[in-house]
Amino acid sequence: MFPDVSLSTLLRHWGKAARAIGRPELTRRDMRRSFARIAIDSGNSESVVAKLGGWTDPRMLHRYNVRSRKDQADGSARMDAYLSDLDRRLTATQNATPEKGGA
């Protein structure tokens, strides 16, 4: 990612930056996870996000695109709402269709 910088220099500067913002526990992986979530949430395809993040294997992107329990609960609620609406529309369509062969 930074070809002209040694790993020890990168880690030293990373530590300084994390302490400077009051988050010394932040790791580089935390930033990769944030990048993956933000990039996907902003509408980028997984293939674009993988390329930008340097992931050659889609499984690695999926490891970094970790979602919180709230994200999972929100997704489940959206699916429930969709299925309820679908059921309502199907029922309305069936009730509006006249029976064949009847009077």
Foldseek 3Di string as FASTA:
>chain_A
DDVVDDPVRVVVVVQVVCVVVVRNVDDVLLVLLVQLQVCVVVPDDLVVNCVVSVHPDSVVSVVSPDDDVVVVVVVVVVVVVVVVVVVVVVVVVVVPDDDPPDD
